[in-house]
Amino acid sequence: MRTVVAYVPDLMDRSRVQAAAPAVRFVGAPGDLTAAAEGADVVVVDLSRPGAIDALPPAARTVIGFAPHVDRDLLKAARDRGCTEVLPRSQFFRRAAELLG
């Protein structure tokens, strides 16, 4: 089983992530990502949250970021900062089981 750490503050989104990765460990603030990501196989980040893009952990692991499809600049910035996979929200949740399982 893959170890998943996520910064996903929205409760509805959390439930969808947890359905795909039941053992996911959520962090409460973007600044907690780097320490929590130690040893994790996958890190999931809601890029639309303030401070999230600045707190992306090193790309030594799989980092999956999602944001609204209309926020193209944010999606590009996440790619530029080393996100392994950057997806519009709808695609992330459609593929969550595949990406996190």
Protein backbone atom coordinates (compact mmCIF):
# COMPACT_ATOMS: atom_id res chain seq x y z
CA MET A 1 0.00 0.00 0.00
CA ARG A 2 1.30 3.45 -0.90
CA THR A 3 1.80 6.04 1.81
CA VAL A 4 -0.17 9.18 0.96
CA VAL A 5 0.08 12.60 2.63
CA ALA A 6 -2.32 15.35 1.60
CA TYR A 7 -2.96 19.02 2.12
CA VAL A 8 -6.63 19.20 1.16
CA PRO A 9 -8.53 21.52 3.53
CA ASP A 10 -12.01 21.15 2.01
CA LEU A 11 -13.93 18.44 3.88
CA MET A 12 -15.80 17.20 0.81
CA ASP A 13 -12.55 16.90 -1.13
CA ARG A 14 -10.93 15.13 1.83
CA SER A 15 -13.63 12.48 1.80
CA ARG A 16 -13.03 11.88 -1.90
CA VAL A 17 -9.27 11.57 -1.37
CA GLN A 18 -9.83 9.23 1.56
CA ALA A 19 -12.13 7.04 -0.55
CA ALA A 20 -9.24 6.55 -2.99
CA ALA A 21 -6.54 6.21 -0.29
CA PRO A 22 -8.10 5.12 3.02
CA ALA A 23 -4.85 5.45 4.99
CA VAL A 24 -4.13 9.00 3.79
CA ARG A 25 -2.58 11.35 6.35
CA PHE A 26 -3.92 14.89 6.10
CA VAL A 27 -1.97 17.93 7.24
CA GLY A 28 -3.70 21.08 8.43
CA ALA A 29 -1.40 23.72 6.96
CA PRO A 30 0.79 23.99 3.88
CA GLY A 31 3.85 24.52 6.05
CA ASP A 32 3.38 21.01 7.47
CA LEU A 33 3.81 19.34 4.08
CA THR A 34 7.57 19.01 3.89
CA ALA A 35 7.99 17.33 7.27
CA ALA A 36 4.91 15.13 6.81
CA ALA A 37 6.03 14.08 3.33
CA GLU A 38 9.19 12.41 4.66
CA GLY A 39 8.86 8.77 3.70
CA ALA A 40 5.58 9.27 1.83
CA ASP A 41 5.15 7.73 -1.60
CA VAL A 42 2.66 10.34 -2.79
CA VAL A 43 1.90 13.90 -1.72
CA VAL A 44 -1.40 15.47 -2.79
CA VAL A 45 -1.84 19.25 -2.72
CA ASP A 46 -4.85 21.46 -3.33
CA LEU A 47 -2.92 24.16 -5.16
CA SER A 48 -5.74 26.68 -4.94
CA ARG A 49 -5.21 27.19 -1.20
CA PRO A 50 -3.10 30.16 -0.05
CA GLY A 51 0.51 29.19 0.52
CA ALA A 52 0.17 25.72 -0.99
CA ILE A 53 2.34 26.31 -4.03
CA ASP A 54 5.11 27.80 -1.91
CA ALA A 55 5.07 24.76 0.39
CA LEU A 56 5.45 22.06 -2.25
CA PRO A 57 7.88 19.44 -0.94
CA PRO A 58 10.99 18.50 -2.91
CA ALA A 59 10.27 16.51 -6.05
CA ALA A 60 12.11 13.46 -4.71
CA ARG A 61 8.70 11.84 -4.42
CA THR A 62 5.49 11.90 -6.42
CA VAL A 63 3.74 15.22 -5.86
CA ILE A 64 0.26 15.57 -7.34
CA GLY A 65 -1.32 18.99 -7.39
CA PHE A 66 -4.81 19.97 -8.44
CA ALA A 67 -6.59 23.28 -8.98
CA PRO A 68 -9.51 24.69 -10.96
CA HIS A 69 -9.00 24.24 -14.70
CA VAL A 70 -9.45 27.96 -15.28
CA ASP A 71 -6.40 28.80 -13.15
CA ARG A 72 -3.86 28.05 -15.87
CA ASP A 73 -1.14 30.25 -14.35
CA LEU A 74 -1.33 28.35 -11.07
CA LEU A 75 -1.22 24.98 -12.84
CA LYS A 76 1.83 26.11 -14.83
CA ALA A 77 3.54 27.45 -11.71
CA ALA A 78 3.07 24.08 -10.00
CA ARG A 79 4.66 22.31 -12.97
CA ASP A 80 7.53 24.78 -12.90
CA ARG A 81 8.05 24.10 -9.18
CA GLY A 82 8.42 20.38 -9.77
CA CYS A 83 4.98 18.86 -9.26
CA THR A 84 5.11 15.40 -10.77
CA GLU A 85 1.51 15.59 -11.92
CA VAL A 86 -0.64 18.73 -12.19
CA LEU A 87 -4.30 18.26 -12.94
CA PRO A 88 -7.51 20.22 -13.09
CA ARG A 89 -9.71 19.34 -10.07
CA SER A 90 -12.21 17.35 -12.12
CA GLN A 91 -9.51 15.16 -13.68
CA PHE A 92 -7.79 14.60 -10.35
CA PHE A 93 -10.96 13.35 -8.68
CA ARG A 94 -11.93 11.27 -11.71
CA ARG A 95 -8.51 9.55 -11.57
CA ALA A 96 -7.93 9.61 -7.79
CA ALA A 97 -8.17 5.84 -7.31
CA GLU A 98 -5.69 5.27 -10.14
CA LEU A 99 -3.28 7.97 -8.94
CA LEU A 100 -3.36 7.10 -5.24
CA GLY A 101 -4.04 3.38 -5.24
